[in-house]
Amino acid sequence: MDAEMLRNVLTMLGTEPIDSMEASVVGKRTLVTQEDGATKTIYYMTFQKVNGMRMELEVPGEDYGLAAEGDQGVLVARGEEFIVFKRMI
């Protein structure tokens, strides 16, 4: 089993390790969908790690509203699952 396949299996099982890393918010976007007459907004933020790698994660609306592009802090995530972003003030 190669590393990518193992990562996918661990993600599906919810056993992937939780990582915390210094990162900054470099982008924000929303996706508005409509299904069965109900409108739903999905929130995304793009984070850039210290090593320059970027990752876009779906985030709760409250976290989206509290963050601004340029904010720096600590991102906590499990694979591609957002857990929390703690801004450094």
N, C-alpha and C. Protein backbone atom coordinates (compact mmCIF):
# COMPACT_ATOMS: atom_id res chain seq x y z
N MET A 1 0.86 -1.18 0.00
CA MET A 1 0.00 0.00 0.00
C MET A 1 0.91 1.23 0.00
N ASP A 2 0.70 2.13 -0.99
CA ASP A 2 1.53 3.32 -1.04
C ASP A 2 1.04 4.37 -0.03
N ALA A 3 1.83 5.43 0.15
CA ALA A 3 1.55 6.44 1.18
C ALA A 3 0.22 7.15 0.93
N GLU A 4 -0.09 7.47 -0.32
CA GLU A 4 -1.34 8.17 -0.63
C GLU A 4 -2.55 7.29 -0.32
N MET A 5 -2.47 6.02 -0.68
CA MET A 5 -3.57 5.11 -0.41
C MET A 5 -3.77 4.96 1.10
N LEU A 6 -2.67 4.85 1.85
CA LEU A 6 -2.76 4.74 3.30
C LEU A 6 -3.41 5.98 3.89
N ARG A 7 -3.03 7.16 3.40
CA ARG A 7 -3.61 8.41 3.88
C ARG A 7 -5.12 8.44 3.62
N ASN A 8 -5.54 7.98 2.43
CA ASN A 8 -6.96 7.95 2.10
C ASN A 8 -7.72 7.01 3.03
N VAL A 9 -7.15 5.85 3.31
CA VAL A 9 -7.80 4.90 4.22
C VAL A 9 -7.91 5.49 5.61
N LEU A 10 -6.82 6.09 6.11
CA LEU A 10 -6.84 6.69 7.44
C LEU A 10 -7.87 7.82 7.52
N THR A 11 -7.99 8.60 6.46
CA THR A 11 -8.98 9.68 6.44
C THR A 11 -10.38 9.12 6.51
N MET A 12 -10.66 8.08 5.74
CA MET A 12 -11.99 7.47 5.74
C MET A 12 -12.33 6.90 7.11
N LEU A 13 -11.34 6.36 7.78
CA LEU A 13 -11.56 5.77 9.10
C LEU A 13 -11.56 6.81 10.22
N GLY A 14 -11.17 8.04 9.90
CA GLY A 14 -11.11 9.09 10.92
C GLY A 14 -9.96 8.89 11.89
N THR A 15 -8.95 8.13 11.46
CA THR A 15 -7.82 7.86 12.34
C THR A 15 -6.57 8.61 11.93
N GLU A 16 -6.70 9.48 10.96
CA GLU A 16 -5.54 10.27 10.55
C GLU A 16 -5.15 11.19 11.70
N PRO A 17 -3.85 11.41 11.91
CA PRO A 17 -3.43 12.23 13.04
C PRO A 17 -3.85 13.69 12.90
N ILE A 18 -4.03 14.32 14.03
CA ILE A 18 -4.34 15.75 14.06
C ILE A 18 -3.02 16.51 14.01
N ASP A 19 -2.93 17.46 13.08
CA ASP A 19 -1.72 18.26 12.90
C ASP A 19 -2.01 19.71 13.27
N SER A 20 -1.05 20.34 13.90
CA SER A 20 -1.13 21.78 14.10
C SER A 20 0.09 22.40 13.43
N MET A 21 -0.12 23.52 12.77
CA MET A 21 0.95 24.15 12.01
C MET A 21 0.75 25.65 11.95
N GLU A 22 1.85 26.38 11.88
CA GLU A 22 1.75 27.82 11.67
C GLU A 22 1.29 28.04 10.24
N ALA A 23 0.35 28.95 10.08
CA ALA A 23 -0.20 29.21 8.74
C ALA A 23 -0.78 30.62 8.70
N SER A 24 -1.00 31.10 7.50
CA SER A 24 -1.68 32.38 7.32
C SER A 24 -2.84 32.18 6.35
N VAL A 25 -3.86 33.02 6.50
CA VAL A 25 -5.02 32.98 5.62
C VAL A 25 -4.66 33.77 4.36
N VAL A 26 -4.71 33.10 3.21
CA VAL A 26 -4.35 33.78 1.96
C VAL A 26 -5.53 33.90 1.00
N GLY A 27 -6.67 33.32 1.37
CA GLY A 27 -7.84 33.42 0.51
C GLY A 27 -9.09 32.94 1.21
N LYS A 28 -10.22 33.49 0.77
CA LYS A 28 -11.52 33.09 1.30
C LYS A 28 -12.49 33.07 0.13
N ARG A 29 -13.42 32.11 0.15
CA ARG A 29 -14.46 32.08 -0.88
C ARG A 29 -15.68 31.35 -0.34
N THR A 30 -16.79 31.54 -1.02
CA THR A 30 -18.02 30.85 -0.66
C THR A 30 -18.58 30.16 -1.90
N LEU A 31 -19.39 29.16 -1.65
CA LEU A 31 -20.12 28.47 -2.70
C LEU A 31 -21.57 28.41 -2.25
N VAL A 32 -22.44 29.02 -3.03
CA VAL A 32 -23.87 29.03 -2.69
C VAL A 32 -24.58 28.02 -3.57
N THR A 33 -25.29 27.10 -2.93
CA THR A 33 -26.03 26.08 -3.67
C THR A 33 -27.50 26.14 -3.28
N GLN A 34 -28.32 25.58 -4.15
CA GLN A 34 -29.75 25.53 -3.85
C GLN A 34 -30.23 24.11 -4.12
N GLU A 35 -30.90 23.55 -3.13
CA GLU A 35 -31.40 22.19 -3.25
C GLU A 35 -32.76 22.11 -2.59
N ASP A 36 -33.73 21.63 -3.33
CA ASP A 36 -35.10 21.51 -2.83
C ASP A 36 -35.63 22.84 -2.29
N GLY A 37 -35.28 23.93 -2.97
CA GLY A 37 -35.77 25.24 -2.58
C GLY A 37 -35.02 25.88 -1.42
N ALA A 38 -34.07 25.17 -0.83
CA ALA A 38 -33.30 25.71 0.29
C ALA A 38 -31.91 26.14 -0.20
N THR A 39 -31.48 27.29 0.25
CA THR A 39 -30.17 27.80 -0.12
C THR A 39 -29.16 27.44 0.96
N LYS A 40 -28.00 26.99 0.54
CA LYS A 40 -26.93 26.60 1.47
C LYS A 40 -25.65 27.29 1.04
N THR A 41 -24.93 27.84 2.00
CA THR A 41 -23.64 28.46 1.72
C THR A 41 -22.55 27.62 2.35
N ILE A 42 -21.55 27.29 1.53
CA ILE A 42 -20.39 26.54 2.00
C ILE A 42 -19.21 27.52 2.01
N TYR A 43 -18.48 27.53 3.11
CA TYR A 43 -17.38 28.47 3.30
C TYR A 43 -16.05 27.76 3.18
N TYR A 44 -15.10 28.42 2.48
CA TYR A 44 -13.76 27.87 2.30
C TYR A 44 -12.73 28.94 2.63
N MET A 45 -11.61 28.50 3.22
CA MET A 45 -10.47 29.38 3.41
C MET A 45 -9.22 28.65 2.91
N THR A 46 -8.33 29.42 2.30
CA THR A 46 -7.06 28.88 1.86
C THR A 46 -5.99 29.33 2.83
N PHE A 47 -5.23 28.36 3.34
CA PHE A 47 -4.17 28.61 4.29
C PHE A 47 -2.83 28.35 3.62
N GLN A 48 -1.83 29.15 3.98
CA GLN A 48 -0.48 28.90 3.50
C GLN A 48 0.40 28.58 4.69
N LYS A 49 1.02 27.40 4.62
CA LYS A 49 1.92 26.97 5.69
C LYS A 49 3.24 27.72 5.58
N VAL A 50 4.06 27.64 6.61
CA VAL A 50 5.36 28.32 6.63
C VAL A 50 6.24 27.85 5.47
N ASN A 51 6.11 26.58 5.07
CA ASN A 51 6.94 26.05 3.98
C ASN A 51 6.43 26.47 2.60
N GLY A 52 5.35 27.26 2.55
CA GLY A 52 4.81 27.75 1.28
C GLY A 52 3.69 26.91 0.71
N MET A 53 3.46 25.72 1.26
CA MET A 53 2.38 24.85 0.77
C MET A 53 1.02 25.44 1.15
N ARG A 54 0.09 25.40 0.21
CA ARG A 54 -1.25 25.93 0.44
C ARG A 54 -2.26 24.80 0.52
N MET A 55 -3.30 25.02 1.33
CA MET A 55 -4.38 24.05 1.40
C MET A 55 -5.70 24.80 1.61
N GLU A 56 -6.71 24.40 0.83
CA GLU A 56 -8.03 24.99 0.96
C GLU A 56 -8.91 24.03 1.75
N LEU A 57 -9.55 24.55 2.79
CA LEU A 57 -10.38 23.73 3.66
C LEU A 57 -11.77 24.32 3.78
N GLU A 58 -12.77 23.46 3.86
CA GLU A 58 -14.12 23.91 4.18
C GLU A 58 -14.14 24.25 5.67
N VAL A 59 -14.71 25.40 6.00
CA VAL A 59 -14.72 25.87 7.40
C VAL A 59 -16.14 26.27 7.80
N PRO A 60 -16.43 26.25 9.10
CA PRO A 60 -17.74 26.73 9.56
C PRO A 60 -17.88 28.23 9.28
N GLY A 61 -19.11 28.67 9.09
CA GLY A 61 -19.38 30.07 8.80
C GLY A 61 -18.84 31.03 9.85
N GLU A 62 -18.90 30.63 11.12
CA GLU A 62 -18.41 31.51 12.19
C GLU A 62 -16.90 31.74 12.06
N ASP A 63 -16.16 30.68 11.80
CA ASP A 63 -14.71 30.82 11.62
C ASP A 63 -14.40 31.67 10.39
N TYR A 64 -15.17 31.48 9.33
CA TYR A 64 -15.00 32.25 8.10
C TYR A 64 -15.19 33.74 8.38
N GLY A 65 -16.22 34.05 9.15
CA GLY A 65 -16.53 35.45 9.44
C GLY A 65 -15.51 36.12 10.34
N LEU A 66 -14.86 35.35 11.20
CA LEU A 66 -13.88 35.92 12.13
C LEU A 66 -12.49 36.10 11.53
N ALA A 67 -12.22 35.43 10.42
CA ALA A 67 -10.88 35.48 9.82
C ALA A 67 -10.84 36.47 8.67
N ALA A 68 -9.66 37.02 8.47
CA ALA A 68 -9.42 37.94 7.35
C ALA A 68 -8.16 37.50 6.62
N GLU A 69 -8.11 37.77 5.32
CA GLU A 69 -6.89 37.47 4.58
C GLU A 69 -5.74 38.21 5.23
N GLY A 70 -4.63 37.51 5.39
CA GLY A 70 -3.46 38.09 6.04
C GLY A 70 -3.31 37.68 7.50
N ASP A 71 -4.40 37.16 8.09
CA ASP A 71 -4.31 36.69 9.48
C ASP A 71 -3.28 35.57 9.57
N GLN A 72 -2.50 35.59 10.65
CA GLN A 72 -1.52 34.55 10.90
C GLN A 72 -1.88 33.86 12.20
N GLY A 73 -1.56 32.58 12.28
CA GLY A 73 -1.88 31.85 13.49
C GLY A 73 -1.51 30.39 13.39
N VAL A 74 -2.21 29.58 14.16
CA VAL A 74 -1.98 28.14 14.17
C VAL A 74 -3.23 27.45 13.63
N LEU A 75 -3.04 26.66 12.60
CA LEU A 75 -4.11 25.88 11.99
C LEU A 75 -4.05 24.47 12.55
N VAL A 76 -5.19 23.98 12.99
CA VAL A 76 -5.29 22.60 13.46
C VAL A 76 -6.24 21.87 12.51
N ALA A 77 -5.75 20.77 11.95
CA ALA A 77 -6.55 20.02 10.97
C ALA A 77 -6.21 18.54 11.07
N ARG A 78 -7.16 17.74 10.63
CA ARG A 78 -6.95 16.28 10.49
C ARG A 78 -7.05 16.00 9.00
N GLY A 79 -5.90 15.86 8.35
CA GLY A 79 -5.90 15.69 6.91
C GLY A 79 -6.46 16.93 6.26
N GLU A 80 -7.57 16.78 5.54
CA GLU A 80 -8.22 17.92 4.90
C GLU A 80 -9.46 18.37 5.67
N GLU A 81 -9.57 17.97 6.92
CA GLU A 81 -10.70 18.36 7.77
C GLU A 81 -10.26 19.48 8.71
N PHE A 82 -10.88 20.64 8.57
CA PHE A 82 -10.59 21.79 9.43
C PHE A 82 -11.08 21.52 10.84
N ILE A 83 -10.24 21.84 11.83
CA ILE A 83 -10.66 21.74 13.22
C ILE A 83 -10.77 23.13 13.83
N VAL A 84 -9.68 23.92 13.77
CA VAL A 84 -9.73 25.27 14.31
C VAL A 84 -8.54 26.08 13.77
N PHE A 85 -8.72 27.38 13.70
CA PHE A 85 -7.62 28.30 13.37
C PHE A 85 -7.54 29.31 14.50
N LYS A 86 -6.42 29.33 15.20
CA LYS A 86 -6.19 30.25 16.32
C LYS A 86 -5.32 31.39 15.82
N ARG A 87 -5.93 32.58 15.70
CA ARG A 87 -5.18 33.75 15.23
C ARG A 87 -4.17 34.21 16.26
N MET A 88 -3.02 34.68 15.78
CA MET A 88 -2.04 35.33 16.66
C MET A 88 -2.33 36.83 16.62
N ILE A 89 -2.54 37.39 17.76
CA ILE A 89 -2.89 38.82 17.81
C ILE A 89 -1.70 39.61 18.27
